[in-house]
Protein backbone atom coordinates (compact mmCIF):
# COMPACT_ATOMS: atom_id res chain seq x y z
CA MET A 1 7.22 -14.12 24.98
CA ASN A 2 9.69 -17.11 23.61
CA SER A 3 10.25 -16.25 20.08
CA MET A 4 10.73 -20.05 19.61
CA THR A 5 7.43 -21.19 20.93
CA LEU A 6 5.89 -17.88 19.17
CA PHE A 7 3.52 -20.02 16.78
CA GLU A 8 3.90 -23.38 18.27
CA LYS A 9 0.44 -22.98 20.85
CA LYS A 10 -0.50 -26.62 21.47
CA GLU A 11 1.18 -28.26 18.78
CA ILE A 12 4.87 -28.99 20.04
CA PRO A 13 6.12 -28.80 23.91
CA VAL A 14 9.06 -26.29 24.37
CA GLU A 15 10.75 -26.37 27.55
CA ASN A 16 13.21 -23.68 28.87
CA GLY A 17 14.03 -22.85 25.19
CA GLU A 18 14.93 -26.18 24.55
CA LEU A 19 14.02 -28.05 21.31
CA PRO A 20 11.27 -30.74 21.34
CA VAL A 21 12.23 -34.62 21.40
CA LYS A 22 12.58 -35.55 17.65
CA THR A 23 10.81 -38.55 16.05
CA LEU A 24 12.78 -41.45 15.14
CA GLU A 25 12.57 -40.82 11.39
CA GLU A 26 14.16 -37.25 12.04
CA GLU A 27 16.57 -38.99 13.81
CA ASN A 28 17.49 -41.36 11.19
CA ASN A 29 17.59 -38.56 8.85
CA ARG A 30 20.40 -36.92 11.04
CA GLN A 31 22.42 -39.66 10.68
CA LYS A 32 22.25 -39.83 7.25
CA GLU A 33 23.29 -35.80 7.07
CA PRO A 34 27.09 -35.14 5.32
CA ALA A 35 29.71 -34.57 7.69
CA ASN A 36 30.20 -31.00 6.88
CA SER A 37 26.42 -30.60 7.90
CA GLU A 38 25.56 -27.36 10.10
CA PRO A 39 23.04 -27.19 12.59
CA LEU A 40 20.01 -25.40 11.33
CA SER A 41 18.03 -22.74 13.62
CA TYR A 42 15.14 -23.94 15.60
CA PRO A 43 12.49 -21.84 13.33
CA ILE A 44 13.85 -23.36 9.84
CA ASP A 45 14.00 -26.80 11.81
CA ARG A 46 10.34 -26.17 12.37
CA LEU A 47 9.52 -25.09 8.85
CA ILE A 48 10.66 -27.97 7.49
CA ARG A 49 9.00 -30.17 9.76
CA LYS A 50 5.66 -28.39 9.24
CA TYR A 51 6.24 -28.96 5.62
CA ARG A 52 6.95 -32.20 5.79
CA GLU A 53 3.98 -32.74 7.81
CA SER A 54 1.70 -31.08 5.16
CA LEU A 55 2.89 -33.34 2.62
CA ALA A 56 2.48 -36.64 4.54
CA PRO A 57 -0.01 -39.00 2.91
CA ARG A 58 -3.90 -38.80 3.77
CA SER A 59 -6.25 -41.81 4.77
CA ARG A 60 -6.22 -44.07 1.47
CA SER A 61 -10.05 -44.60 2.04
CA GLU A 62 -12.35 -43.67 -0.86
CA VAL A 63 -13.41 -40.21 -0.79
CA ALA A 64 -16.31 -38.62 -2.94
CA THR A 65 -15.32 -35.94 -4.80
CA ILE A 66 -17.08 -32.88 -6.52
CA HIS A 67 -17.84 -32.83 -10.41
CA VAL A 68 -18.91 -29.80 -12.58
CA ASP A 69 -19.66 -30.22 -16.00
CA GLU A 70 -17.07 -29.28 -18.42
CA ILE A 71 -19.16 -27.44 -20.75
CA ALA A 72 -20.63 -24.85 -18.01
CA SER A 73 -17.26 -24.91 -16.35
CA LYS A 74 -15.79 -23.35 -19.65
CA ILE A 75 -18.56 -20.73 -19.97
CA ALA A 76 -17.57 -19.79 -16.33
CA PHE A 77 -13.87 -19.51 -16.45
CA PHE A 78 -14.21 -17.30 -19.31
CA TYR A 79 -16.47 -14.96 -17.17
CA GLU A 80 -13.96 -15.34 -14.35
CA LYS A 81 -11.31 -13.90 -16.86
CA VAL A 82 -13.20 -10.64 -17.66
CA ARG A 83 -13.57 -10.32 -13.74
CA LYS A 84 -10.04 -10.11 -13.46
CA ILE A 85 -9.68 -7.19 -15.77
CA ILE A 86 -12.65 -5.70 -14.06
CA ASP A 87 -11.79 -6.03 -10.12
CA TRP A 88 -8.19 -5.37 -10.61
CA LYS A 89 -7.05 -8.19 -8.35
CA GLU A 90 -3.77 -10.23 -8.42
CA ASP A 91 -3.41 -13.73 -8.90
CA ASN A 92 -3.11 -14.35 -5.37
CA LEU A 93 -6.70 -12.77 -4.46
CA LEU A 94 -8.65 -13.86 -7.38
CA ARG A 95 -10.44 -17.30 -5.60
CA ARG A 96 -11.13 -15.15 -2.45
CA ASN A 97 -12.38 -12.11 -4.64
CA ALA A 98 -14.67 -14.62 -6.22
CA ILE A 99 -15.75 -16.22 -2.87
CA VAL A 100 -16.36 -12.33 -1.62
CA ARG A 101 -18.75 -11.79 -4.50
CA ILE A 102 -20.33 -15.10 -4.16
CA LEU A 103 -21.28 -14.27 -0.60
CA LYS A 104 -22.32 -10.82 -1.25
CA ARG A 105 -24.66 -12.08 -3.97
CA ASN A 106 -26.44 -14.74 -1.53
CA LEU A 107 -26.36 -12.69 1.60
CA VAL A 108 -27.74 -9.32 -0.23
CA SER A 109 -30.59 -9.20 2.45
CA GLU A 110 -28.29 -9.10 5.19
CA ILE A 111 -25.99 -6.25 3.53
CA SER A 112 -28.80 -4.32 2.28
CA SER A 113 -31.57 -4.96 5.11
CA LEU A 114 -33.88 -6.25 2.08
CA LYS A 115 -35.58 -8.50 4.54
CA PHE A 116 -38.22 -9.36 1.58
CA ILE A 117 -35.40 -11.46 0.15
CA LYS A 118 -35.28 -14.69 2.49
CA VAL A 119 -31.67 -16.05 2.98
CA ASP A 120 -31.59 -19.71 3.85
CA ILE A 121 -27.67 -19.94 4.96
CA ASN A 122 -28.51 -23.77 4.79
CA LYS A 123 -28.17 -23.86 0.94
CA VAL A 124 -25.15 -21.56 0.46
CA ALA A 125 -22.41 -23.71 0.90
CA GLU A 126 -22.80 -26.29 -1.84
CA PRO A 127 -23.32 -23.87 -4.83
CA LEU A 128 -20.42 -21.76 -3.69
CA VAL A 129 -17.76 -24.72 -3.63
CA LEU A 130 -19.69 -25.69 -7.47
CA GLU A 131 -19.37 -22.18 -8.57
CA LEU A 132 -15.69 -21.70 -7.45
CA ILE A 133 -15.10 -25.10 -9.38
CA ARG A 134 -16.86 -24.04 -12.39
CA GLY A 135 -14.91 -20.64 -12.70
CA GLY A 136 -11.21 -22.63 -12.43
CA HIS A 137 -10.79 -21.70 -9.01
CA LEU A 138 -10.51 -25.11 -7.64
CA PRO A 139 -9.80 -28.42 -9.68
CA ASN A 140 -12.58 -30.49 -10.90
CA ASP A 141 -12.83 -33.83 -9.46
CA GLU A 142 -10.49 -33.32 -6.53
CA VAL A 143 -12.44 -31.46 -3.83
CA PRO A 144 -13.94 -34.03 -1.44
CA GLU A 145 -17.51 -33.63 -1.08
CA GLU A 146 -16.95 -33.15 2.86
CA LYS A 147 -15.90 -29.88 2.29
CA ILE A 148 -19.44 -28.69 1.68
CA THR A 149 -19.97 -29.47 5.08
CA GLU A 150 -16.80 -27.66 6.77
CA VAL A 151 -17.72 -24.34 4.67
CA ASP A 152 -21.45 -24.56 5.72
CA LYS A 153 -19.78 -24.51 9.04
CA VAL A 154 -17.92 -21.71 8.60
CA LEU A 155 -20.43 -19.34 6.93
CA LYS A 156 -23.06 -20.54 9.76
CA LYS A 157 -20.46 -18.96 12.27
CA TYR A 158 -20.18 -15.75 10.16
CA PHE A 159 -23.81 -15.44 9.33
CA TYR A 160 -24.77 -15.74 13.20
CA ILE A 161 -22.09 -12.78 13.61
CA LEU A 162 -23.74 -10.46 10.98
CA GLN A 163 -27.01 -10.89 12.39
CA ASN A 164 -26.40 -10.89 15.84
CA ALA A 165 -23.78 -8.07 16.00
CA PRO A 166 -24.44 -5.49 18.77
CA PHE A 167 -25.25 -2.39 16.85
CA SER A 168 -27.71 -1.00 19.24
CA THR A 169 -24.98 -0.86 22.07
CA THR A 170 -22.65 0.89 20.05
CA ASN A 171 -22.61 4.65 18.97
CA SER A 172 -26.59 5.85 19.02
CA ASN A 173 -25.10 7.60 15.57
CA PHE A 174 -23.79 4.53 14.14
CA LEU A 175 -23.69 5.55 10.50
CA ALA A 176 -24.70 3.14 7.54
CA LYS A 177 -21.34 3.56 6.01
CA LYS A 178 -19.88 2.12 8.85
CA LYS A 179 -22.30 -0.82 9.10
CA ILE A 180 -21.64 -1.48 5.44
CA ASN A 181 -17.99 -1.50 6.14
CA PHE A 182 -18.54 -3.73 8.79
CA PHE A 183 -20.33 -6.34 6.80
CA GLU A 184 -17.72 -6.02 4.28
CA TRP A 185 -15.05 -7.02 6.61
CA ILE A 186 -16.84 -9.77 8.03
CA LEU A 187 -17.53 -11.24 4.28
CA GLU A 188 -13.90 -10.92 3.58
CA VAL A 189 -12.73 -12.53 6.98
CA ALA A 190 -15.01 -15.16 6.03
CA ALA A 191 -14.00 -15.65 2.41
CA CYS A 192 -10.33 -16.11 3.98
CA GLU A 193 -11.17 -18.72 6.18
CA ILE A 194 -13.39 -20.53 3.64
CA GLU A 195 -10.62 -20.13 0.88
CA GLU A 196 -8.42 -22.14 3.86
CA VAL A 197 -10.92 -24.71 4.02
CA LEU A 198 -10.80 -25.57 0.42
CA ALA A 199 -7.14 -24.92 -0.04
CA PHE A 200 -4.82 -25.01 2.81
CA PRO A 201 -1.92 -22.85 2.15
CA ALA A 202 0.50 -24.83 4.67
CA LYS A 203 3.64 -23.79 2.77
CA GLU A 204 2.95 -19.95 2.88
CA ASN A 205 1.52 -20.12 6.51
CA ALA A 206 4.39 -21.98 7.83
CA LEU A 207 6.76 -19.53 5.82
CA ILE A 208 5.16 -16.12 7.33
CA GLU A 209 5.56 -17.65 10.63
CA THR A 210 9.09 -18.81 10.19
CA MET A 211 9.89 -15.07 8.97
CA THR A 212 7.68 -13.45 11.96
CA VAL A 213 9.74 -15.51 14.65
CA LEU A 214 13.45 -14.82 12.77
CA MET A 215 12.86 -11.30 12.36
CA ASN A 216 11.26 -10.72 15.61
CA GLU A 217 14.65 -11.98 17.14
CA ARG A 218 16.37 -9.28 15.14
CA ILE A 219 14.35 -6.31 15.23
CA LYS A 220 15.18 -4.05 18.13
CA ILE A 221 13.15 -1.38 19.68
CA ILE A 222 14.82 1.55 20.94
CA PRO A 223 13.89 2.74 23.62
CA ALA A 224 12.64 -0.70 24.49
CA ASP A 225 9.65 0.20 26.80
CA ARG A 226 8.02 2.38 23.91
CA LEU A 227 6.52 -0.78 22.51
CA THR A 228 5.51 -4.04 24.04
CA GLU A 229 6.99 -7.33 22.99
CA GLU A 230 3.30 -8.30 22.03
CA GLU A 231 2.85 -5.37 19.78
CA LYS A 232 6.21 -5.79 18.06
CA ILE A 233 5.30 -9.58 17.22
CA ILE A 234 1.97 -8.18 16.00
CA GLN A 235 3.75 -5.09 13.72
CA THR A 236 6.62 -7.95 12.39
CA TYR A 237 3.53 -10.49 11.74
CA ILE A 238 1.70 -7.87 9.67
CA ALA A 239 4.78 -6.84 7.94
CA ALA A 240 5.69 -10.45 6.99
CA HIS A 241 2.56 -10.79 5.36
CA ARG A 242 2.78 -7.65 3.21
CA THR A 243 6.33 -8.24 2.04
CA LEU A 244 6.67 -11.74 1.58
CA TYR A 245 3.24 -12.62 -0.30
CA ASP A 246 1.77 -9.00 -0.55
CA LEU A 247 -1.20 -10.05 1.21
CA ASP A 248 -3.99 -7.57 1.88
CA ASP A 249 -5.97 -6.43 5.27
CA ALA A 250 -8.51 -9.14 4.92
CA ILE A 251 -5.98 -12.26 5.24
CA ILE A 252 -3.94 -10.65 7.42
CA ALA A 253 -7.00 -9.70 9.88
CA TYR A 254 -8.04 -13.36 9.68
CA HIS A 255 -4.61 -14.56 10.81
CA LEU A 256 -4.49 -12.27 13.77
CA LEU A 257 -8.19 -13.53 14.88
CA LYS A 258 -6.45 -17.26 14.70
CA TYR A 259 -3.49 -16.01 16.65
CA ARG A 260 -5.43 -14.39 19.52
CA TYR A 261 -8.22 -16.54 19.74
CA GLN A 262 -6.97 -20.21 19.05
CA GLU A 263 -10.67 -21.47 19.21
CA TRP A 264 -11.71 -18.94 16.19
CA THR A 265 -11.64 -21.97 13.55
CA ASN A 266 -13.09 -24.64 15.77
CA PRO A 267 -15.52 -22.49 18.06
CA SER A 268 -17.87 -23.53 20.84
CA GLU A 269 -21.11 -22.33 20.99
CA ASP A 270 -20.38 -20.22 23.75
CA PHE A 271 -17.40 -18.72 22.15
CA VAL A 272 -19.15 -17.36 19.16
CA LYS A 273 -21.62 -15.69 21.39
CA GLU A 274 -18.96 -14.13 23.42
CA LYS A 275 -16.98 -12.89 20.38
CA THR A 276 -20.00 -11.63 18.61
CA ARG A 277 -20.77 -9.44 21.82
CA ASP A 278 -17.33 -8.12 21.50
CA ILE A 279 -17.07 -8.05 17.64
CA PHE A 280 -16.68 -4.12 17.20
CA THR A 281 -14.07 -3.97 19.76
CA ILE A 282 -11.94 -6.90 17.95
CA TRP A 283 -12.53 -5.13 14.98
CA ASP A 284 -11.07 -1.93 16.01
CA GLY A 285 -8.16 -3.52 17.57
CA ILE A 286 -7.25 -5.08 14.28
CA GLN A 287 -7.84 -1.85 12.31
CA ASP A 288 -5.65 -0.06 14.74
CA ASP A 289 -2.96 -2.96 14.37
CA LEU A 290 -2.84 -2.68 10.52
CA VAL A 291 -2.81 1.48 10.24
CA ARG A 292 -0.24 2.16 13.14
CA PRO A 293 2.72 4.67 11.87
CA ILE A 294 5.21 2.48 12.87
CA ARG A 295 4.24 -0.46 10.50
CA LYS A 296 6.20 1.64 7.94
CA GLU A 297 9.49 1.06 9.96
CA PHE A 298 8.66 -2.77 10.12
CA PHE A 299 7.58 -3.02 6.59
CA GLY A 300 11.00 -1.25 5.58
CA ILE A 301 13.32 -3.87 7.40
CA CYS A 302 11.18 -7.16 6.52
CA GLU A 303 11.12 -5.75 2.55
CA ARG A 304 15.01 -6.06 2.79
CA THR A 305 14.59 -9.74 3.78
CA ASP A 306 11.89 -11.02 2.32
CA THR A 307 14.23 -12.64 -0.70
CA SER A 308 15.47 -15.04 1.51
CA PHE A 309 11.93 -16.75 2.39
CA THR A 310 10.85 -16.46 -0.95
CA LEU A 311 13.94 -18.65 -1.97
CA LEU A 312 13.29 -20.88 0.66
CA GLY A 313 9.86 -21.30 -0.47
CA ASP A 314 11.39 -22.33 -3.95
CA VAL A 315 13.79 -24.75 -2.16
CA LEU A 316 10.68 -26.61 -0.21
CA ASP A 317 8.86 -26.78 -3.54
CA TYR A 318 11.63 -28.37 -4.95
CA PHE A 319 11.58 -31.10 -2.53
CA GLN A 320 7.93 -31.57 -2.57
CA LYS A 321 8.29 -34.99 -3.66
CA GLU A 322 11.20 -35.85 -1.57
CA PRO A 323 10.50 -33.73 1.49
CA GLU A 324 12.65 -36.53 3.54
CA LYS A 325 15.84 -35.04 1.87
CA LEU A 326 15.55 -31.34 2.89
CA THR A 327 17.20 -31.51 5.88
CA SER A 328 20.33 -32.97 4.56
CA ALA A 329 20.12 -30.78 1.50
CA ILE A 330 19.95 -27.62 3.48
CA THR A 331 22.52 -28.47 6.41
CA ASP A 332 24.98 -29.02 3.63
CA ARG A 333 25.88 -25.44 3.16
CA ASN A 334 27.79 -25.83 -0.35
CA ASN A 335 24.59 -27.77 -1.80
CA PHE A 336 22.08 -25.31 -0.23
CA LYS A 337 24.27 -22.60 -1.58
CA GLU A 338 23.72 -24.02 -5.10
CA LEU A 339 20.13 -24.36 -4.60
CA LEU A 340 19.78 -20.78 -3.48
CA SER A 341 21.83 -19.80 -6.79
CA LYS A 342 19.54 -21.61 -8.73
CA PHE A 343 16.52 -20.45 -7.68
CA TYR A 344 17.59 -16.65 -7.79
CA ARG A 345 18.62 -17.13 -11.49
CA LYS A 346 15.35 -18.58 -12.16
CA ARG A 347 13.30 -15.90 -10.59
CA LEU A 348 15.63 -13.33 -12.16
CA ALA A 349 14.90 -14.76 -15.54
CA THR A 350 10.90 -14.88 -15.02
CA LEU A 351 10.84 -11.55 -13.10
CA LYS A 352 10.24 -9.32 -16.43
CA ASN A 353 7.51 -11.47 -17.72
CA ARG A 354 5.81 -11.73 -14.07
CA LEU A 355 5.96 -7.74 -14.00
CA PHE A 356 4.55 -7.30 -17.75
CA LYS A 357 1.58 -9.53 -16.59
CA ILE A 358 1.08 -7.20 -13.58
CA ALA A 359 1.17 -4.39 -15.51
CA VAL A 360 -0.92 -5.80 -18.29
CA PHE A 361 -3.53 -6.48 -16.03
CA SER A 362 -3.55 -3.41 -14.08
CA SER A 363 -3.68 -1.20 -17.27
CA LEU A 364 -6.51 -3.36 -18.70
CA SER A 365 -8.56 -2.82 -15.43
CA VAL A 366 -8.25 1.22 -15.80
CA PHE A 367 -8.38 1.26 -19.34
CA VAL A 368 -11.73 -0.75 -19.02
CA SER A 369 -12.75 1.75 -16.29
CA ASN A 370 -11.63 4.47 -18.66
CA TRP A 371 -13.67 3.45 -21.65
CA PHE A 372 -16.36 3.25 -19.10
CA THR A 373 -16.21 6.61 -17.77
CA TYR A 374 -15.58 7.97 -21.48
CA PHE A 375 -18.78 6.35 -22.68
CA ILE A 376 -20.90 6.94 -19.77
CA VAL A 377 -19.83 10.11 -18.20
CA GLU A 378 -17.59 11.83 -20.04
CA VAL A 379 -19.03 11.93 -23.55
CA PRO A 380 -22.67 12.61 -21.92
CA LEU A 381 -21.33 15.39 -19.87
CA ALA A 382 -19.62 16.88 -22.94
CA TYR A 383 -22.83 16.93 -25.20
CA LEU A 384 -24.82 18.35 -21.87
CA PHE A 385 -22.33 21.40 -21.68
CA LEU A 386 -22.36 21.73 -25.74
CA GLU A 387 -19.01 20.49 -26.35
CA ARG A 388 -17.44 17.70 -28.49
CA PHE A 389 -14.48 15.07 -28.63
CA SER A 390 -12.40 15.34 -31.57
CA LEU A 391 -10.58 12.24 -32.68
CA LEU A 392 -7.13 13.64 -31.31
CA ALA A 393 -8.79 14.41 -28.08
CA ALA A 394 -10.42 10.95 -27.76
CA ILE A 395 -6.68 9.49 -28.73
CA VAL A 396 -4.93 11.50 -26.17
CA ASP A 397 -7.70 10.71 -23.62
CA PHE A 398 -7.04 6.94 -23.99
CA ILE A 399 -3.29 7.04 -24.49
CA LEU A 400 -1.97 9.27 -22.37
CA PRO A 401 -2.83 7.25 -18.97
CA THR A 402 -0.80 4.29 -20.43
CA LEU A 403 1.89 6.32 -21.21
CA ALA A 404 2.52 7.53 -18.04
CA MET A 405 2.47 3.82 -16.41
CA PHE A 406 5.07 3.20 -19.41
CA ILE A 407 7.49 5.80 -18.61
CA ILE A 408 7.90 4.66 -15.15
CA LEU A 409 7.98 0.99 -15.90
CA ILE A 410 10.99 1.54 -18.25
CA VAL A 411 13.50 2.36 -15.68
CA ILE A 412 12.98 -0.87 -13.87
CA LYS A 413 16.25 -2.88 -14.13
CA PRO A 414 17.42 -5.88 -12.73
CA PRO A 415 19.47 -5.90 -9.27
CA PRO A 416 23.42 -5.85 -9.65
CA ALA A 417 25.29 -9.03 -10.19
CA SER A 418 26.76 -8.73 -6.48
CA ASN A 419 23.07 -8.95 -5.27
CA LEU A 420 23.30 -12.71 -5.08
CA GLU A 421 26.46 -13.10 -2.82
CA LYS A 422 24.37 -10.97 -0.25
CA VAL A 423 21.37 -12.74 -0.90
CA ILE A 424 23.22 -16.28 0.02
CA GLU A 425 24.89 -14.37 3.07
CA LEU A 426 21.49 -13.22 4.17
CA THR A 427 19.64 -16.38 3.96
CA ASN A 428 22.77 -18.49 5.38
CA SER A 429 22.25 -15.79 8.73
CA PHE A 430 18.58 -17.36 9.15
CA VAL A 431 18.89 -20.57 8.01
CA TYR A 432 22.30 -21.91 10.41
CA LYS A 433 21.93 -22.00 14.04
CA ASN A 434 25.78 -20.22 14.69
CA GLU A 435 25.65 -17.45 12.16
CA GLU A 436 25.83 -14.38 13.49
CA LYS A 437 22.40 -12.45 13.57
CA LYS A 438 22.34 -9.11 11.95
CA ILE A 439 20.26 -6.53 14.43
CA TYR A 440 17.48 -3.91 12.70
CA GLU A 441 17.36 -1.21 14.93
CA ILE A 442 13.81 0.97 15.07
CA LYS A 443 14.21 3.95 16.89
CA LEU A 444 11.20 5.58 18.39
CA GLY A 445 10.66 9.06 20.03
CA LYS A 446 12.91 10.69 17.42
CA LYS A 447 13.18 14.66 17.57
CA ARG A 448 11.34 16.30 14.81
CA ARG A 449 12.51 19.49 13.26
CA PRO A 450 9.32 21.46 12.77
CA LEU A 451 10.71 23.97 9.98
CA THR A 452 12.36 21.29 7.88
CA ASN A 453 9.15 19.13 8.09
CA PHE A 454 7.07 22.43 7.01
CA ILE A 455 9.38 23.18 4.04
CA ILE A 456 9.47 19.58 2.62
CA ALA A 457 5.57 19.57 3.36
CA ILE A 458 5.60 22.98 1.00
CA ILE A 459 7.97 21.32 -1.62
CA TYR A 460 5.87 18.15 -1.75
CA LEU A 461 2.31 19.88 -2.14
CA VAL A 462 4.00 22.46 -4.76
CA VAL A 463 5.59 19.39 -6.93
CA ALA A 464 1.88 17.67 -6.82
CA LEU A 465 0.25 20.70 -7.79
CA THR A 466 2.44 21.64 -10.51
CA PHE A 467 2.28 17.97 -12.10
CA PHE A 468 -1.50 17.79 -11.94
CA SER A 469 -1.65 21.27 -13.52
CA PHE A 470 0.83 20.22 -16.22
CA VAL A 471 -0.97 17.23 -16.97
CA ALA A 472 -4.27 19.26 -17.34
CA TRP A 473 -2.83 21.55 -19.34
CA VAL A 474 -1.72 18.89 -21.55
CA PHE A 475 -5.17 17.76 -21.98
CA TYR A 476 -6.57 21.22 -22.48
CA LEU A 477 -4.02 21.54 -25.54
CA ALA A 478 -5.63 18.30 -26.80
CA ARG A 479 -8.88 20.01 -26.77
CA ILE A 480 -10.46 17.77 -24.66
CA PRO A 481 -13.75 18.96 -23.05
CA VAL A 482 -13.36 20.69 -19.69
CA THR A 483 -15.74 18.28 -18.07
CA SER A 484 -13.10 15.19 -18.74
CA ILE A 485 -9.98 16.90 -17.84
CA VAL A 486 -10.66 16.37 -14.13
CA LEU A 487 -11.34 12.70 -14.76
CA ASP A 488 -8.48 11.95 -17.03
CA THR A 489 -6.01 13.62 -14.69
CA LEU A 490 -7.06 11.58 -11.70
CA MET A 491 -6.93 8.59 -14.03
CA ILE A 492 -2.84 9.66 -14.73
CA ALA A 493 -2.66 9.39 -10.89
CA ILE A 494 -4.28 5.97 -11.01
CA ASN A 495 -1.86 4.53 -13.34
CA ILE A 496 1.19 6.30 -11.66
CA PHE A 497 0.09 4.47 -8.80
CA ALA A 498 -0.37 1.07 -10.56
CA ALA A 499 3.20 1.46 -12.25
CA LEU A 500 4.94 2.44 -8.84
CA VAL A 501 3.35 -0.88 -7.18
CA VAL A 502 4.78 -2.82 -10.42
CA ARG A 503 8.06 -1.47 -10.06
CA ASN A 504 8.32 -2.21 -6.14
CA LYS A 505 7.44 -5.68 -7.15
CA SER A 506 10.61 -5.67 -9.23
CA ARG A 507 12.65 -5.17 -6.42
CA GLU A 508 11.52 -8.63 -4.80
CA LEU A 509 15.12 -9.93 -5.45
CA THR A 510 17.00 -7.02 -3.96
CA VAL A 511 18.59 -6.90 -0.69
CA GLU A 512 20.10 -3.42 -0.78
CA GLU A 513 18.69 -0.85 -2.61
CA LYS A 514 20.80 1.77 -4.79
CA SER A 515 18.78 4.43 -6.40
CA SER A 516 19.90 6.53 -9.28
CA PHE A 517 19.80 10.12 -9.36
CA GLY A 518 17.14 9.81 -12.42
CA GLU A 519 15.13 7.45 -10.23
CA PHE A 520 15.46 10.06 -7.57
CA LEU A 521 13.85 12.78 -9.64
CA LEU A 522 11.60 10.61 -11.08
CA ASP A 523 10.18 9.75 -7.32
CA ILE A 524 10.04 13.59 -6.79
CA ILE A 525 7.51 13.70 -9.42
CA SER A 526 5.61 10.62 -9.29
CA ILE A 527 5.38 9.78 -5.52
CA PRO A 528 2.89 12.60 -4.81
CA ALA A 529 0.76 11.55 -7.85
CA ALA A 530 0.85 7.92 -6.61
CA GLU A 531 -0.38 9.04 -3.13
CA VAL A 532 -3.47 10.39 -4.63
CA GLY A 533 -3.74 7.50 -7.07
CA SER A 534 -3.38 5.14 -4.28
CA TRP A 535 -6.51 6.84 -2.39
CA LEU A 536 -8.80 6.88 -5.76
CA GLY A 537 -7.57 3.21 -6.27
CA ASN A 538 -8.85 2.19 -2.98
CA LYS A 539 -12.26 3.99 -3.37
CA TRP A 540 -12.25 2.50 -7.15
CA ARG A 541 -12.43 -0.93 -5.19
CA GLU A 542 -14.91 0.22 -2.83
CA TYR A 543 -17.08 1.77 -5.30
CA ASN A 544 -16.24 -0.22 -8.52
CA ILE A 545 -19.19 0.97 -10.51
CA VAL A 546 -18.17 -1.67 -13.23
CA GLY A 547 -17.96 -4.19 -10.35
CA VAL A 548 -21.24 -3.39 -9.10
CA PHE A 549 -22.92 -3.53 -12.21
CA PHE A 550 -21.43 -6.96 -13.31
CA ASN A 551 -22.65 -8.32 -9.67
CA VAL A 552 -26.17 -6.99 -10.22
CA VAL A 553 -26.98 -6.85 -13.87
CA VAL A 554 -24.67 -9.41 -15.24
CA GLU A 555 -23.57 -11.78 -12.66
CA THR A 556 -26.47 -12.92 -11.19
CA PRO A 557 -28.78 -14.05 -14.24
CA PHE A 558 -25.18 -15.52 -15.89
CA VAL A 559 -24.86 -17.83 -12.83
CA SER A 560 -28.47 -19.18 -13.33
CA VAL A 561 -27.44 -19.49 -17.13
CA VAL A 562 -24.57 -21.58 -16.19
CA GLU A 563 -26.45 -23.65 -13.77
CA PHE A 564 -29.14 -24.16 -16.35
CA VAL A 565 -26.59 -25.40 -19.10
CA GLU A 566 -24.97 -27.68 -16.13
CA ASP A 567 -28.62 -28.85 -15.64
CA TRP A 568 -29.37 -29.39 -19.15
CA ARG A 569 -26.20 -31.33 -20.08
CA ASN A 570 -27.03 -33.61 -16.92
CA PHE A 571 -30.44 -34.19 -18.45
CA LEU A 572 -28.97 -35.13 -21.80
CA LYS A 573 -26.56 -37.59 -20.20
CA GLU A 574 -29.54 -39.55 -18.40
CA LYS A 575 -31.87 -39.81 -21.93
CA LYS A 576 -28.73 -40.57 -23.52
CA ALA A 577 -28.02 -43.49 -21.12
CA GLU A 578 -31.62 -44.77 -21.64
CA ILE A 579 -30.92 -45.37 -25.25
CA HIS A 580 -29.83 -48.83 -25.52
């Protein structure tokens, strides 16, 4: 497949590797370019064109928009802030997570097989959109009412898949756990499409595609026959999602579905039936793509280059109100260098603040769960086994996990001054057509040395056991009940994992990573613990007891209260209007 046509599909005809015929407007813009302009690479030229198209003014005809009551909205917005702490989600996942929660609440009968709870799929779309607006996930008085119809169409497609998935034709021992995982996956993919309908991320999607095309040209597999071109494209595409926007498996799965099946977002009835019959094969194929061992190699390469595309996104935003000036601004190398320097310094200045926010919400989520386990699990267990919490034990129980995160975060330091020039040089190699391409090799089939691997594995295991033993010993010295020592030690692992995630995000502007000896020693200790924390963190999201409690006991009646407040306010407004 020609990398230039990778994401073209039917949008733009490209023949024999030649660029498509340019529009009159583009030609006029070309004529206005400065004399020292340089030709852009095709992916960058396409990125600019797609971005301009996304900003093109829509029809001026009157469109009815959705309005929700401001008082009810404030109440719902406060609740969403609480959920942000409970669910431990980052900003780019909050809206989609809210959609998933709403879907689970409304489709509980399909998930739990409680057939006495009837689901009318025709009555889900409108409350879903209204709830998102009340919660502050979508702007009030801006979402067109016609979006409800589009969301309804999406819901019916995935509801059909849920109802007609061929469970009986799969393994007869199809476990209930796998069925739940499948339902969870379908709902998350559905949430991705609903979010895209309500707030289409044109710039983000275009940047991911551009990064995929440019990196696919530069990544070389050795030997070449160990990976097909299609497999290479898929792994590059996945790595672009993870490194550029830190996107999760659900959105990547949705984009892979769109990439492989052009009809996915606008399907015919026959298409939906066909894909429903094959849905488990499709699901397994995507899951295999997401967990292939070679993904780490692609991730490592893309992580070293994502800074360029992040800054390109900033440049696009800068010209949001004057997109016609984008091409001339970028083709002028000196002007483009000034823009890159400006946005690099701006991001560097705000990096600590953004990392602090991530650290705070990660810590708060763990702190809330620690509080929950302390009073609901640890204290009752301690009393059950005739043990008690002293004041010192309680303080250590809450403070030590946070301290573990703090120690890792204090070693974070900004990139060196020389990093800016390297970023500019790397970005130029992507942007300009005549720049030399740097090739990144991925060597497969390397010979492994069993003895060396065995020794490293033993050291890794010993370090992990030593670390957890030391932490447990500290808790023991604080006279924490034995029943709580295990829980608290595991909580330390989760906090270390969260801290390492934050530390990795601090390198978003770094092109070449140079670790100090102190960081090397810290990695030896922290990474084994973080591995355990990562596993526990994933299980926490999967079995989030606090989240389930809020979904079942709090959220359903809370939504009813918010809807009642809105209805009450509307009633008062009607009565007020009758008073003359």
